[in-house]
Protein backbone atom coordinates (compact mmCIF):
# COMPACT_ATOMS: atom_id res chain seq x y z
CA UNK A 1 -10.50 21.29 40.77
CA UNK A 2 -7.97 21.56 37.81
CA UNK A 3 -5.84 18.93 39.10
CA UNK A 4 -8.92 16.44 39.19
CA UNK A 5 -9.91 17.52 35.61
CA UNK A 6 -6.40 16.81 34.46
CA UNK A 7 -6.06 13.58 36.40
CA UNK A 8 -9.23 12.26 34.83
CA UNK A 9 -8.40 13.21 31.29
CA UNK A 10 -4.99 11.72 31.64
CA UNK A 11 -6.32 8.22 32.70
CA UNK A 12 -9.66 8.03 30.94
CA UNK A 13 -8.57 7.35 27.26
CA UNK A 14 -12.13 7.07 26.15
CA UNK A 15 -13.92 9.84 27.99
CA UNK A 16 -14.77 11.86 24.72
CA UNK A 17 -16.20 8.74 23.07
CA UNK A 18 -18.34 7.85 26.11
CA UNK A 19 -19.78 11.34 26.75
CA UNK A 20 -20.33 11.94 23.13
CA UNK A 21 -22.23 8.65 22.49
CA UNK A 22 -25.68 9.39 20.92
CA UNK A 23 -28.18 7.87 23.31
CA UNK A 24 -31.24 6.59 21.57
CA UNK A 25 -34.49 8.51 22.74
CA UNK A 26 -36.19 6.61 25.62
CA UNK A 27 -32.98 4.60 26.57
CA UNK A 28 -32.74 5.70 30.23
CA UNK A 29 -30.28 3.04 31.24
CA UNK A 30 -27.78 4.32 28.75
CA UNK A 31 -28.43 7.92 29.66
CA UNK A 32 -28.12 7.13 33.44
CA UNK A 33 -24.97 4.95 33.04
CA UNK A 34 -23.01 7.62 31.05
CA UNK A 35 -24.26 10.28 33.65
CA UNK A 36 -23.03 7.81 36.40
CA UNK A 37 -19.71 7.50 34.61
CA UNK A 38 -19.18 11.22 34.33
CA UNK A 39 -20.04 11.64 38.08
CA UNK A 40 -17.88 8.86 39.15
CA UNK A 41 -14.69 9.44 37.43
CA UNK A 42 -14.55 13.05 38.80
CA UNK A 43 -15.55 12.13 42.31
CA UNK A 44 -13.56 8.89 43.00
CA UNK A 45 -9.93 8.82 43.98
CA UNK A 46 -9.42 5.19 42.95
CA UNK A 47 -7.65 5.40 39.67
CA UNK A 48 -7.69 1.76 38.98
CA UNK A 49 -11.60 1.70 39.24
CA UNK A 50 -11.86 4.75 37.07
CA UNK A 51 -9.72 2.99 34.41
CA UNK A 52 -11.71 -0.07 34.75
CA UNK A 53 -15.01 1.93 34.44
CA UNK A 54 -13.65 3.82 31.43
CA UNK A 55 -12.85 0.70 29.61
CA UNK A 56 -16.14 -1.03 30.39
CA UNK A 57 -18.12 2.02 29.21
CA UNK A 58 -16.03 2.20 26.17
CA UNK A 59 -17.09 -1.43 25.44
CA UNK A 60 -20.62 -0.38 26.15
CA UNK A 61 -20.64 2.25 23.65
CA UNK A 62 -18.85 0.42 20.84
CA UNK A 63 -19.84 -3.19 21.25
CA UNK A 64 -23.53 -3.97 20.60
CA UNK A 65 -23.39 -7.44 22.40
CA UNK A 66 -21.71 -5.81 25.43
CA UNK A 67 -24.19 -3.00 25.37
CA UNK A 68 -27.17 -5.25 25.11
CA UNK A 69 -25.75 -7.63 27.89
CA UNK A 70 -24.92 -4.82 30.40
CA UNK A 71 -28.11 -3.04 29.81
CA UNK A 72 -30.12 -6.23 30.42
CA UNK A 73 -28.64 -6.49 34.17
CA UNK A 74 -28.78 -2.85 35.06
CA UNK A 75 -31.81 -1.24 36.56
CA UNK A 76 -32.03 2.58 36.63
CA UNK A 77 -32.92 2.52 40.36
CA UNK A 78 -29.57 1.11 41.02
CA UNK A 79 -27.73 4.12 39.76
CA UNK A 80 -27.04 6.61 42.40
CA UNK A 81 -23.83 8.38 42.76
CA UNK A 82 -24.82 9.80 46.13
CA UNK A 83 -25.22 6.34 47.66
CA UNK A 84 -22.03 4.50 48.48
CA UNK A 85 -23.93 1.19 48.68
CA UNK A 86 -25.64 1.46 45.30
CA UNK A 87 -22.43 2.90 43.74
CA UNK A 88 -20.34 -0.08 45.06
CA UNK A 89 -23.25 -2.66 44.26
CA UNK A 90 -23.37 -1.09 40.59
CA UNK A 91 -19.56 -1.41 40.18
CA UNK A 92 -19.53 -5.03 41.37
CA UNK A 93 -22.24 -5.77 38.86
CA UNK A 94 -20.37 -4.20 36.07
CA UNK A 95 -17.03 -5.98 37.07
CA UNK A 96 -18.91 -9.33 37.29
CA UNK A 97 -20.61 -8.64 33.87
CA UNK A 98 -17.29 -7.65 32.26
CA UNK A 99 -15.39 -10.80 33.52
CA UNK A 100 -18.12 -13.13 32.43
CA UNK A 101 -18.16 -11.39 28.99
CA UNK A 102 -14.41 -11.48 28.48
CA UNK A 103 -14.42 -15.28 29.49
CA UNK A 104 -17.25 -15.92 27.04
CA UNK A 105 -15.52 -14.11 24.61
CA UNK A 106 -12.47 -16.14 24.90
CA UNK A 107 -14.44 -19.51 25.00
CA UNK A 108 -16.37 -18.62 21.95
CA UNK A 109 -13.56 -17.40 19.91
CA UNK A 110 -13.75 -18.63 16.43
CA UNK A 111 -10.62 -19.20 14.49
CA UNK A 112 -10.47 -18.91 10.80
CA UNK A 113 -9.77 -21.87 8.69
CA UNK A 114 -6.96 -21.97 6.11
CA UNK A 115 -7.72 -23.76 3.04
């Protein structure tokens, strides 16, 4: 068990920021996503997916546009760490959203003009 804890803390740079995020009362999606994150990082053996989820959840708790966009496509009924299919589907949804968000961010980059 100690090995798992040490491994998670060594690869999850944003663990503290994510689990200490103040969830607004009634925001069940955020509460369930953060709970899913905590369960997933300690139960999965795939370090790449753990790091990816850590980065996505960090964006979720720090970037309002990311938060709003991801929250709009997630249904709390889809969040179930005990169901392999639901977990896989949720991760695919997060990956798809993150790819689209990053591509849109690059395409909509506004450069400053020098006078």
